[in-house]
């Protein structure tokens, strides 16, 4: 496992509610999602429009673990903007995504 992936895994655990020095903030994650992601992704239940060919946040959270979500956000696909999110922002964003689909997989 890459050293950065190990750090991301730790942040994903924080987002899942495990004991950690960092506490992910889903409210802050929603703000990040609305600012950076809503132009393409459906990021909130009250959002009216999104691109049809990208996964809504709730669907991604239902199918990916916190670690997979965090890892994806550290190495985004080419069509995504260069967000340069901090580890804390990634943890917050994962916590927000998990809040949209709490029944999804949480572990690594």
PDB file of N, CA and C in Angstrom:
ATOM      1  N   UNK A   1       0.846  -1.172   0.000  1.00  0.00           N
ATOM      2  CA  UNK A   1       0.000   0.000   0.000  1.00  0.00           C
ATOM      3  C   UNK A   1       0.895   1.239   0.000  1.00  0.00           C
ATOM      4  N   UNK A   2       0.581   2.211  -0.841  1.00  0.00           N
ATOM      5  CA  UNK A   2       1.354   3.443  -0.912  1.00  0.00           C
ATOM      6  C   UNK A   2       1.222   4.202   0.408  1.00  0.00           C
ATOM      7  N   UNK A   3       2.283   4.931   0.808  1.00  0.00           N
ATOM      8  CA  UNK A   3       2.189   5.696   2.062  1.00  0.00           C
ATOM      9  C   UNK A   3       1.003   6.651   2.081  1.00  0.00           C
ATOM     10  N   UNK A   4       0.739   7.316   0.948  1.00  0.00           N
ATOM     11  CA  UNK A   4      -0.391   8.244   0.915  1.00  0.00           C
ATOM     12  C   UNK A   4      -1.702   7.498   1.074  1.00  0.00           C
ATOM     13  N   UNK A   5      -1.789   6.286   0.480  1.00  0.00           N
ATOM     14  CA  UNK A   5      -3.006   5.483   0.612  1.00  0.00           C
ATOM     15  C   UNK A   5      -3.252   5.102   2.061  1.00  0.00           C
ATOM     16  N   UNK A   6      -2.172   4.842   2.789  1.00  0.00           N
ATOM     17  CA  UNK A   6      -2.318   4.511   4.204  1.00  0.00           C
ATOM     18  C   UNK A   6      -2.906   5.712   4.950  1.00  0.00           C
ATOM     19  N   UNK A   7      -2.399   6.909   4.641  1.00  0.00           N
ATOM     20  CA  UNK A   7      -2.941   8.115   5.273  1.00  0.00           C
ATOM     21  C   UNK A   7      -4.402   8.314   4.900  1.00  0.00           C
ATOM     22  N   UNK A   8      -4.738   8.079   3.637  1.00  0.00           N
ATOM     23  CA  UNK A   8      -6.119   8.224   3.178  1.00  0.00           C
ATOM     24  C   UNK A   8      -7.006   7.208   3.880  1.00  0.00           C
ATOM     25  N   UNK A   9      -6.498   5.997   4.045  1.00  0.00           N
ATOM     26  CA  UNK A   9      -7.256   4.971   4.744  1.00  0.00           C
ATOM     27  C   UNK A   9      -7.574   5.429   6.166  1.00  0.00           C
ATOM     28  N   UNK A  10      -6.591   6.038   6.830  1.00  0.00           N
ATOM     29  CA  UNK A  10      -6.814   6.550   8.174  1.00  0.00           C
ATOM     30  C   UNK A  10      -7.889   7.618   8.195  1.00  0.00           C
ATOM     31  N   UNK A  11      -7.883   8.484   7.198  1.00  0.00           N
ATOM     32  CA  UNK A  11      -8.919   9.514   7.114  1.00  0.00           C
ATOM     33  C   UNK A  11     -10.277   8.898   6.845  1.00  0.00           C
ATOM     34  N   UNK A  12     -10.303   7.865   6.027  1.00  0.00           N
ATOM     35  CA  UNK A  12     -11.566   7.193   5.751  1.00  0.00           C
ATOM     36  C   UNK A  12     -12.125   6.564   7.021  1.00  0.00           C
ATOM     37  N   UNK A  13     -11.249   6.014   7.849  1.00  0.00           N
ATOM     38  CA  UNK A  13     -11.706   5.471   9.129  1.00  0.00           C
ATOM     39  C   UNK A  13     -12.286   6.578  10.002  1.00  0.00           C
ATOM     40  N   UNK A  14     -11.647   7.725   9.993  1.00  0.00           N
ATOM     41  CA  UNK A  14     -12.171   8.861  10.769  1.00  0.00           C
ATOM     42  C   UNK A  14     -13.551   9.235  10.268  1.00  0.00           C
ATOM     43  N   UNK A  15     -13.743   9.208   8.945  1.00  0.00           N
ATOM     44  CA  UNK A  15     -15.033   9.555   8.369  1.00  0.00           C
ATOM     45  C   UNK A  15     -16.086   8.518   8.705  1.00  0.00           C
ATOM     46  N   UNK A  16     -15.654   7.282   8.970  1.00  0.00           N
ATOM     47  CA  UNK A  16     -16.619   6.222   9.250  1.00  0.00           C
ATOM     48  C   UNK A  16     -17.040   6.190  10.713  1.00  0.00           C
ATOM     49  N   UNK A  17     -16.419   7.010  11.538  1.00  0.00           N
ATOM     50  CA  UNK A  17     -16.822   7.066  12.933  1.00  0.00           C
ATOM     51  C   UNK A  17     -15.868   6.356  13.861  1.00  0.00           C
ATOM     52  N   UNK A  18     -14.763   5.810  13.369  1.00  0.00           N
ATOM     53  CA  UNK A  18     -13.786   5.164  14.220  1.00  0.00           C
ATOM     54  C   UNK A  18     -13.068   6.209  15.060  1.00  0.00           C
ATOM     55  N   UNK A  19     -12.535   5.766  16.186  1.00  0.00           N
ATOM     56  CA  UNK A  19     -11.800   6.685  17.044  1.00  0.00           C
ATOM     57  C   UNK A  19     -10.583   7.203  16.297  1.00  0.00           C
ATOM     58  N   UNK A  20     -10.414   8.508  16.341  1.00  0.00           N
ATOM     59  CA  UNK A  20      -9.291   9.126  15.657  1.00  0.00           C
ATOM     60  C   UNK A  20      -9.124  10.542  16.165  1.00  0.00           C
ATOM     61  N   UNK A  21      -7.919  11.066  15.985  1.00  0.00           N
ATOM     62  CA  UNK A  21      -7.672  12.451  16.368  1.00  0.00           C
ATOM     63  C   UNK A  21      -8.439  13.402  15.461  1.00  0.00           C
ATOM     64  N   UNK A  22      -8.673  12.990  14.220  1.00  0.00           N
ATOM     65  CA  UNK A  22      -9.415  13.823  13.276  1.00  0.00           C
ATOM     66  C   UNK A  22     -10.882  13.415  13.286  1.00  0.00           C
ATOM     67  N   UNK A  23     -11.747  14.377  13.301  1.00  0.00           N
ATOM     68  CA  UNK A  23     -13.175  14.099  13.217  1.00  0.00           C
ATOM     69  C   UNK A  23     -13.683  14.736  11.932  1.00  0.00           C
ATOM     70  N   UNK A  24     -14.183  13.904  11.037  1.00  0.00           N
ATOM     71  CA  UNK A  24     -14.681  14.405   9.760  1.00  0.00           C
ATOM     72  C   UNK A  24     -15.976  15.176   9.988  1.00  0.00           C
ATOM     73  N   UNK A  25     -16.161  16.217   9.196  1.00  0.00           N
ATOM     74  CA  UNK A  25     -17.306  17.108   9.328  1.00  0.00           C
ATOM     75  C   UNK A  25     -18.147  17.034   8.053  1.00  0.00           C
ATOM     76  N   UNK A  26     -19.246  16.289   8.110  1.00  0.00           N
ATOM     77  CA  UNK A  26     -20.110  16.118   6.946  1.00  0.00           C
ATOM     78  C   UNK A  26     -20.706  17.442   6.472  1.00  0.00           C
ATOM     79  N   UNK A  27     -20.960  18.365   7.382  1.00  0.00           N
ATOM     80  CA  UNK A  27     -21.500  19.676   6.992  1.00  0.00           C
ATOM     81  C   UNK A  27     -20.493  20.427   6.131  1.00  0.00           C
ATOM     82  N   UNK A  28     -19.242  20.386   6.532  1.00  0.00           N
ATOM     83  CA  UNK A  28     -18.197  21.012   5.731  1.00  0.00           C
ATOM     84  C   UNK A  28     -18.048  20.269   4.400  1.00  0.00           C
ATOM     85  N   UNK A  29     -18.179  18.936   4.444  1.00  0.00           N
ATOM     86  CA  UNK A  29     -18.105  18.138   3.215  1.00  0.00           C
ATOM     87  C   UNK A  29     -19.193  18.510   2.223  1.00  0.00           C
ATOM     88  N   UNK A  30     -20.384  18.826   2.729  1.00  0.00           N
ATOM     89  CA  UNK A  30     -21.460  19.261   1.835  1.00  0.00           C
ATOM     90  C   UNK A  30     -21.099  20.580   1.158  1.00  0.00           C
ATOM     91  N   UNK A  31     -20.500  21.485   1.910  1.00  0.00           N
ATOM     92  CA  UNK A  31     -20.079  22.764   1.317  1.00  0.00           C
ATOM     93  C   UNK A  31     -19.051  22.538   0.209  1.00  0.00           C
ATOM     94  N   UNK A  32     -18.113  21.644   0.444  1.00  0.00           N
ATOM     95  CA  UNK A  32     -17.099  21.320  -0.565  1.00  0.00           C
ATOM     96  C   UNK A  32     -17.773  20.707  -1.792  1.00  0.00           C
ATOM     97  N   UNK A  33     -18.701  19.790  -1.565  1.00  0.00           N
ATOM     98  CA  UNK A  33     -19.401  19.128  -2.672  1.00  0.00           C
ATOM     99  C   UNK A  33     -20.177  20.131  -3.515  1.00  0.00           C
ATOM    100  N   UNK A  34     -20.860  21.015  -2.859  1.00  0.00           N
ATOM    101  CA  UNK A  34     -21.645  22.010  -3.607  1.00  0.00           C
ATOM    102  C   UNK A  34     -20.734  22.960  -4.388  1.00  0.00           C
ATOM    103  N   UNK A  35     -19.581  23.287  -3.824  1.00  0.00           N
ATOM    104  CA  UNK A  35     -18.658  24.203  -4.492  1.00  0.00           C
ATOM    105  C   UNK A  35     -17.927  23.530  -5.656  1.00  0.00           C
ATOM    106  N   UNK A  36     -17.412  22.311  -5.453  1.00  0.00           N
ATOM    107  CA  UNK A  36     -16.536  21.687  -6.437  1.00  0.00           C
ATOM    108  C   UNK A  36     -17.209  20.648  -7.318  1.00  0.00           C
ATOM    109  N   UNK A  37     -18.262  20.014  -6.857  1.00  0.00           N
ATOM    110  CA  UNK A  37     -18.750  18.803  -7.520  1.00  0.00           C
ATOM    111  C   UNK A  37     -20.128  18.942  -8.163  1.00  0.00           C
ATOM    112  N   UNK A  38     -20.927  19.910  -7.715  1.00  0.00           N
ATOM    113  CA  UNK A  38     -22.321  20.001  -8.150  1.00  0.00           C
ATOM    114  C   UNK A  38     -22.502  20.379  -9.609  1.00  0.00           C
ATOM    115  N   UNK A  39     -21.476  20.891 -10.257  1.00  0.00           N
ATOM    116  CA  UNK A  39     -21.604  21.214 -11.680  1.00  0.00           C
ATOM    117  C   UNK A  39     -21.811  19.947 -12.514  1.00  0.00           C
ATOM    118  N   UNK A  40     -21.312  18.820 -12.029  1.00  0.00           N
ATOM    119  CA  UNK A  40     -21.453  17.556 -12.768  1.00  0.00           C
ATOM    120  C   UNK A  40     -22.257  16.507 -12.000  1.00  0.00           C
ATOM    121  N   UNK A  41     -21.955  16.346 -10.704  1.00  0.00           N
ATOM    122  CA  UNK A  41     -22.574  15.294  -9.891  1.00  0.00           C
ATOM    123  C   UNK A  41     -23.818  15.810  -9.179  1.00  0.00           C
ATOM    124  N   UNK A  42     -24.762  14.908  -8.966  1.00  0.00           N
ATOM    125  CA  UNK A  42     -25.887  15.184  -8.084  1.00  0.00           C
ATOM    126  C   UNK A  42     -25.340  14.984  -6.668  1.00  0.00           C
ATOM    127  N   UNK A  43     -25.161  16.073  -5.938  1.00  0.00           N
ATOM    128  CA  UNK A  43     -24.505  15.990  -4.638  1.00  0.00           C
ATOM    129  C   UNK A  43     -25.456  16.122  -3.460  1.00  0.00           C
ATOM    130  N   UNK A  44     -26.691  16.531  -3.710  1.00  0.00           N
ATOM    131  CA  UNK A  44     -27.634  16.752  -2.614  1.00  0.00           C
ATOM    132  C   UNK A  44     -29.054  16.464  -3.088  1.00  0.00           C
ATOM    133  N   UNK A  45     -29.898  16.014  -2.175  1.00  0.00           N
ATOM    134  CA  UNK A  45     -31.276  15.709  -2.554  1.00  0.00           C
ATOM    135  C   UNK A  45     -32.044  16.893  -3.141  1.00  0.00           C
ATOM    136  N   UNK A  46     -31.682  18.109  -2.757  1.00  0.00           N
ATOM    137  CA  UNK A  46     -32.408  19.277  -3.262  1.00  0.00           C
ATOM    138  C   UNK A  46     -31.839  19.824  -4.573  1.00  0.00           C
ATOM    139  N   UNK A  47     -30.810  19.201  -5.092  1.00  0.00           N
ATOM    140  CA  UNK A  47     -30.202  19.665  -6.344  1.00  0.00           C
ATOM    141  C   UNK A  47     -31.105  19.324  -7.521  1.00  0.00           C
ATOM    142  N   UNK A  48     -31.303  20.250  -8.420  1.00  0.00           N
ATOM    143  CA  UNK A  48     -32.237  20.078  -9.542  1.00  0.00           C
ATOM    144  C   UNK A  48     -31.591  19.495 -10.794  1.00  0.00           C
ATOM    145  N   UNK A  49     -30.310  19.785 -11.045  1.00  0.00           N
ATOM    146  CA  UNK A  49     -29.656  19.345 -12.277  1.00  0.00           C
ATOM    147  C   UNK A  49     -28.288  18.756 -12.000  1.00  0.00           C
ATOM    148  N   UNK A  50     -27.894  17.815 -12.867  1.00  0.00           N
ATOM    149  CA  UNK A  50     -26.553  17.234 -12.856  1.00  0.00           C
ATOM    150  C   UNK A  50     -26.346  16.549 -14.196  1.00  0.00           C
ATOM    151  N   UNK A  51     -25.104  16.245 -14.505  1.00  0.00           N
ATOM    152  CA  UNK A  51     -24.824  15.520 -15.744  1.00  0.00           C
ATOM    153  C   UNK A  51     -25.352  14.097 -15.630  1.00  0.00           C
ATOM    154  N   UNK A  52     -25.946  13.631 -16.703  1.00  0.00           N
ATOM    155  CA  UNK A  52     -26.535  12.290 -16.696  1.00  0.00           C
ATOM    156  C   UNK A  52     -25.481  11.188 -16.700  1.00  0.00           C
ATOM    157  N   UNK A  53     -24.270  11.495 -17.165  1.00  0.00           N
ATOM    158  CA  UNK A  53     -23.267  10.445 -17.326  1.00  0.00           C
ATOM    159  C   UNK A  53     -22.265  10.350 -16.169  1.00  0.00           C
ATOM    160  N   UNK A  54     -22.557  10.971 -15.035  1.00  0.00           N
ATOM    161  CA  UNK A  54     -21.693  10.851 -13.856  1.00  0.00           C
ATOM    162  C   UNK A  54     -22.515  10.354 -12.670  1.00  0.00           C
ATOM    163  N   UNK A  55     -21.860   9.631 -11.802  1.00  0.00           N
ATOM    164  CA  UNK A  55     -22.560   9.014 -10.666  1.00  0.00           C
ATOM    165  C   UNK A  55     -23.012  10.055  -9.653  1.00  0.00           C
ATOM    166  N   UNK A  56     -24.250   9.959  -9.203  1.00  0.00           N
ATOM    167  CA  UNK A  56     -24.682  10.787  -8.075  1.00  0.00           C
ATOM    168  C   UNK A  56     -23.889  10.384  -6.823  1.00  0.00           C
ATOM    169  N   UNK A  57     -23.671  11.307  -5.922  1.00  0.00           N
ATOM    170  CA  UNK A  57     -22.906  11.012  -4.720  1.00  0.00           C
ATOM    171  C   UNK A  57     -23.505   9.858  -3.918  1.00  0.00           C
ATOM    172  N   UNK A  58     -24.815   9.821  -3.775  1.00  0.00           N
ATOM    173  CA  UNK A  58     -25.445   8.759  -2.982  1.00  0.00           C
ATOM    174  C   UNK A  58     -25.174   7.390  -3.598  1.00  0.00           C
ATOM    175  N   UNK A  59     -25.206   7.291  -4.924  1.00  0.00           N
ATOM    176  CA  UNK A  59     -24.934   6.012  -5.593  1.00  0.00           C
ATOM    177  C   UNK A  59     -23.486   5.592  -5.380  1.00  0.00           C
ATOM    178  N   UNK A  60     -22.564   6.530  -5.503  1.00  0.00           N
ATOM    179  CA  UNK A  60     -21.154   6.207  -5.279  1.00  0.00           C
ATOM    180  C   UNK A  60     -20.947   5.725  -3.845  1.00  0.00           C
ATOM    181  N   UNK A  61     -21.582   6.373  -2.893  1.00  0.00           N
ATOM    182  CA  UNK A  61     -21.433   5.991  -1.491  1.00  0.00           C
ATOM    183  C   UNK A  61     -22.057   4.633  -1.194  1.00  0.00           C
ATOM    184  N   UNK A  62     -23.094   4.266  -1.939  1.00  0.00           N
ATOM    185  CA  UNK A  62     -23.720   2.953  -1.733  1.00  0.00           C
ATOM    186  C   UNK A  62     -22.827   1.822  -2.233  1.00  0.00           C
ATOM    187  N   UNK A  63     -21.933   2.107  -3.183  1.00  0.00           N
ATOM    188  CA  UNK A  63     -21.156   1.043  -3.822  1.00  0.00           C
ATOM    189  C   UNK A  63     -19.677   1.048  -3.466  1.00  0.00           C
ATOM    190  N   UNK A  64     -19.200   2.076  -2.806  1.00  0.00           N
ATOM    191  CA  UNK A  64     -17.778   2.168  -2.489  1.00  0.00           C
ATOM    192  C   UNK A  64     -17.576   2.345  -0.992  1.00  0.00           C
ATOM    193  N   UNK A  65     -16.482   1.781  -0.508  1.00  0.00           N
ATOM    194  CA  UNK A  65     -16.137   1.965   0.901  1.00  0.00           C
ATOM    195  C   UNK A  65     -15.591   3.374   1.109  1.00  0.00           C
ATOM    196  N   UNK A  66     -15.477   3.763   2.353  1.00  0.00           N
ATOM    197  CA  UNK A  66     -14.901   5.074   2.662  1.00  0.00           C
ATOM    198  C   UNK A  66     -13.483   5.179   2.109  1.00  0.00           C
ATOM    199  N   UNK A  67     -12.700   4.122   2.248  1.00  0.00           N
ATOM    200  CA  UNK A  67     -11.326   4.137   1.743  1.00  0.00           C
ATOM    201  C   UNK A  67     -11.302   4.270   0.223  1.00  0.00           C
ATOM    202  N   UNK A  68     -12.206   3.593  -0.466  1.00  0.00           N
ATOM    203  CA  UNK A  68     -12.261   3.709  -1.929  1.00  0.00           C
ATOM    204  C   UNK A  68     -12.659   5.123  -2.356  1.00  0.00           C
ATOM    205  N   UNK A  69     -13.612   5.710  -1.659  1.00  0.00           N
ATOM    206  CA  UNK A  69     -14.014   7.086  -1.965  1.00  0.00           C
ATOM    207  C   UNK A  69     -12.848   8.049  -1.736  1.00  0.00           C
ATOM    208  N   UNK A  70     -12.187   7.910  -0.601  1.00  0.00           N
ATOM    209  CA  UNK A  70     -11.068   8.791  -0.279  1.00  0.00           C
ATOM    210  C   UNK A  70      -9.932   8.611  -1.282  1.00  0.00           C
ATOM    211  N   UNK A  71      -9.635   7.377  -1.638  1.00  0.00           N
ATOM    212  CA  UNK A  71      -8.566   7.114  -2.598  1.00  0.00           C
ATOM    213  C   UNK A  71      -8.899   7.745  -3.945  1.00  0.00           C
ATOM    214  N   UNK A  72     -10.151   7.639  -4.376  1.00  0.00           N
ATOM    215  CA  UNK A  72     -10.568   8.238  -5.641  1.00  0.00           C
ATOM    216  C   UNK A  72     -10.401   9.758  -5.609  1.00  0.00           C
ATOM    217  N   UNK A  73     -10.727  10.363  -4.483  1.00  0.00           N
ATOM    218  CA  UNK A  73     -10.634  11.822  -4.370  1.00  0.00           C
ATOM    219  C   UNK A  73      -9.192  12.320  -4.332  1.00  0.00           C
ATOM    220  N   UNK A  74      -8.253  11.437  -3.960  1.00  0.00           N
ATOM    221  CA  UNK A  74      -6.848  11.842  -3.961  1.00  0.00           C
ATOM    222  C   UNK A  74      -6.240  11.744  -5.353  1.00  0.00           C
ATOM    223  N   UNK A  75      -6.848  10.948  -6.215  1.00  0.00           N
ATOM    224  CA  UNK A  75      -6.326  10.732  -7.567  1.00  0.00           C
ATOM    225  C   UNK A  75      -7.500  10.758  -8.548  1.00  0.00           C
ATOM    226  N   UNK A  76      -8.113  11.929  -8.748  1.00  0.00           N
ATOM    227  CA  UNK A  76      -9.336  12.016  -9.549  1.00  0.00           C
ATOM    228  C   UNK A  76      -9.115  11.724 -11.031  1.00  0.00           C
ATOM    229  N   UNK A  77     -10.196  11.390 -11.695  1.00  0.00           N
ATOM    230  CA  UNK A  77     -10.125  11.106 -13.128  1.00  0.00           C
ATOM    231  C   UNK A  77      -9.902  12.403 -13.902  1.00  0.00           C
ATOM    232  N   UNK A  78      -9.450  12.297 -15.154  1.00  0.00           N
ATOM    233  CA  UNK A  78      -9.057  13.494 -15.917  1.00  0.00           C
ATOM    234  C   UNK A  78     -10.132  14.560 -16.099  1.00  0.00           C
ATOM    235  N   UNK A  79     -11.384  14.207 -16.130  1.00  0.00           N
ATOM    236  CA  UNK A  79     -12.432  15.206 -16.363  1.00  0.00           C
ATOM    237  C   UNK A  79     -12.738  16.045 -15.128  1.00  0.00           C
ATOM    238  N   UNK A  80     -12.256  15.619 -13.961  1.00  0.00           N
ATOM    239  CA  UNK A  80     -12.525  16.369 -12.741  1.00  0.00           C
ATOM    240  C   UNK A  80     -11.598  17.575 -12.646  1.00  0.00           C
ATOM    241  N   UNK A  81     -12.066  18.643 -12.018  1.00  0.00           N
ATOM    242  CA  UNK A  81     -11.186  19.805 -11.832  1.00  0.00           C
ATOM    243  C   UNK A  81     -10.055  19.455 -10.866  1.00  0.00           C
ATOM    244  N   UNK A  82      -8.982  20.177 -10.948  1.00  0.00           N
ATOM    245  CA  UNK A  82      -7.856  19.983 -10.046  1.00  0.00           C
ATOM    246  C   UNK A  82      -8.188  20.670  -8.721  1.00  0.00           C
ATOM    247  N   UNK A  83      -8.840  19.939  -7.840  1.00  0.00           N
ATOM    248  CA  UNK A  83      -9.368  20.521  -6.612  1.00  0.00           C
ATOM    249  C   UNK A  83      -8.302  20.746  -5.543  1.00  0.00           C
ATOM    250  N   UNK A  84      -7.259  19.938  -5.536  1.00  0.00           N
ATOM    251  CA  UNK A  84      -6.189  20.053  -4.542  1.00  0.00           C
ATOM    252  C   UNK A  84      -6.761  20.074  -3.116  1.00  0.00           C
ATOM    253  N   UNK A  85      -7.590  19.089  -2.796  1.00  0.00           N
ATOM    254  CA  UNK A  85      -8.200  19.021  -1.476  1.00  0.00           C
ATOM    255  C   UNK A  85      -7.195  18.559  -0.435  1.00  0.00           C
ATOM    256  N   UNK A  86      -7.299  19.095   0.765  1.00  0.00           N
ATOM    257  CA  UNK A  86      -6.462  18.645   1.876  1.00  0.00           C
ATOM    258  C   UNK A  86      -6.999  17.309   2.384  1.00  0.00           C
ATOM    259  N   UNK A  87      -6.232  16.655   3.215  1.00  0.00           N
ATOM    260  CA  UNK A  87      -6.688  15.385   3.808  1.00  0.00           C
ATOM    261  C   UNK A  87      -7.970  15.595   4.606  1.00  0.00           C
ATOM    262  N   UNK A  88      -8.032  16.691   5.337  1.00  0.00           N
ATOM    263  CA  UNK A  88      -9.221  16.981   6.134  1.00  0.00           C
ATOM    264  C   UNK A  88     -10.435  17.211   5.242  1.00  0.00           C
ATOM    265  N   UNK A  89     -10.244  17.928   4.143  1.00  0.00           N
ATOM    266  CA  UNK A  89     -11.351  18.168   3.211  1.00  0.00           C
ATOM    267  C   UNK A  89     -11.826  16.863   2.581  1.00  0.00           C
ATOM    268  N   UNK A  90     -10.895  15.973   2.254  1.00  0.00           N
ATOM    269  CA  UNK A  90     -11.274  14.666   1.707  1.00  0.00           C
ATOM    270  C   UNK A  90     -12.078  13.885   2.732  1.00  0.00           C
ATOM    271  N   UNK A  91     -11.631  13.879   3.982  1.00  0.00           N
ATOM    272  CA  UNK A  91     -12.366  13.179   5.042  1.00  0.00           C
ATOM    273  C   UNK A  91     -13.759  13.779   5.215  1.00  0.00           C
ATOM    274  N   UNK A  92     -13.859  15.103   5.158  1.00  0.00           N
ATOM    275  CA  UNK A  92     -15.159  15.769   5.274  1.00  0.00           C
ATOM    276  C   UNK A  92     -16.070  15.389   4.111  1.00  0.00           C
ATOM    277  N   UNK A  93     -15.511  15.374   2.910  1.00  0.00           N
ATOM    278  CA  UNK A  93     -16.299  15.027   1.725  1.00  0.00           C
ATOM    279  C   UNK A  93     -16.774  13.584   1.791  1.00  0.00           C
ATOM    280  N   UNK A  94     -15.911  12.672   2.225  1.00  0.00           N
ATOM    281  CA  UNK A  94     -16.307  11.265   2.381  1.00  0.00           C
ATOM    282  C   UNK A  94     -17.393  11.146   3.450  1.00  0.00           C
ATOM    283  N   UNK A  95     -17.258  11.875   4.550  1.00  0.00           N
ATOM    284  CA  UNK A  95     -18.290  11.835   5.603  1.00  0.00           C
ATOM    285  C   UNK A  95     -19.628  12.320   5.061  1.00  0.00           C
ATOM    286  N   UNK A  96     -19.590  13.368   4.245  1.00  0.00           N
ATOM    287  CA  UNK A  96     -20.835  13.857   3.650  1.00  0.00           C
ATOM    288  C   UNK A  96     -21.420  12.811   2.697  1.00  0.00           C
ATOM    289  N   UNK A  97     -20.588  12.233   1.848  1.00  0.00           N
ATOM    290  CA  UNK A  97     -21.080  11.216   0.916  1.00  0.00           C
ATOM    291  C   UNK A  97     -21.682  10.043   1.684  1.00  0.00           C
ATOM    292  N   UNK A  98     -21.040   9.640   2.761  1.00  0.00           N
ATOM    293  CA  UNK A  98     -21.561   8.533   3.578  1.00  0.00           C
ATOM    294  C   UNK A  98     -22.902   8.914   4.191  1.00  0.00           C
ATOM    295  N   UNK A  99     -23.089  10.176   4.549  1.00  0.00           N
ATOM    296  CA  UNK A  99     -24.361  10.600   5.147  1.00  0.00           C
ATOM    297  C   UNK A  99     -25.515  10.458   4.155  1.00  0.00           C
ATOM    298  N   UNK A 100     -25.203  10.482   2.868  1.00  0.00           N
ATOM    299  CA  UNK A 100     -26.230  10.319   1.827  1.00  0.00           C
ATOM    300  C   UNK A 100     -26.629   8.864   1.627  1.00  0.00           C
ATOM    301  N   UNK A 101     -25.757   7.953   2.040  1.00  0.00           N
ATOM    302  CA  UNK A 101     -26.012   6.519   1.878  1.00  0.00           C
ATOM    303  C   UNK A 101     -25.415   5.762   3.052  1.00  0.00           C
ATOM    304  N   UNK A 102     -25.976   5.941   4.252  1.00  0.00           N
ATOM    305  CA  UNK A 102     -25.386   5.300   5.442  1.00  0.00           C
ATOM    306  C   UNK A 102     -25.430   3.785   5.371  1.00  0.00           C
ATOM    307  N   UNK A 103     -26.264   3.214   4.511  1.00  0.00           N
ATOM    308  CA  UNK A 103     -26.353   1.761   4.415  1.00  0.00           C
ATOM    309  C   UNK A 103     -25.242   1.169   3.549  1.00  0.00           C
ATOM    310  N   UNK A 104     -24.470   2.006   2.875  1.00  0.00           N
ATOM    311  CA  UNK A 104     -23.403   1.522   2.000  1.00  0.00           C
ATOM    312  C   UNK A 104     -22.225   0.959   2.784  1.00  0.00           C
ATOM    313  N   UNK A 105     -21.269   0.349   2.071  1.00  0.00           N
ATOM    314  CA  UNK A 105     -20.100  -0.228   2.738  1.00  0.00           C
ATOM    315  C   UNK A 105     -19.231   0.862   3.353  1.00  0.00           C
ATOM    316  N   UNK A 106     -18.781   0.640   4.584  1.00  0.00           N
ATOM    317  CA  UNK A 106     -17.989   1.661   5.262  1.00  0.00           C
ATOM    318  C   UNK A 106     -16.507   1.277   5.379  1.00  0.00           C
ATOM    319  N   UNK A 107     -16.235   0.001   5.473  1.00  0.00           N
ATOM    320  CA  UNK A 107     -14.871  -0.472   5.712  1.00  0.00           C
ATOM    321  C   UNK A 107     -13.986  -0.357   4.495  1.00  0.00           C
ATOM    322  N   UNK A 108     -12.732  -0.757   4.673  1.00  0.00           N
ATOM    323  CA  UNK A 108     -11.762  -0.663   3.562  1.00  0.00           C
ATOM    324  C   UNK A 108     -12.109  -1.494   2.366  1.00  0.00           C
TER     325      UNK A 108
END
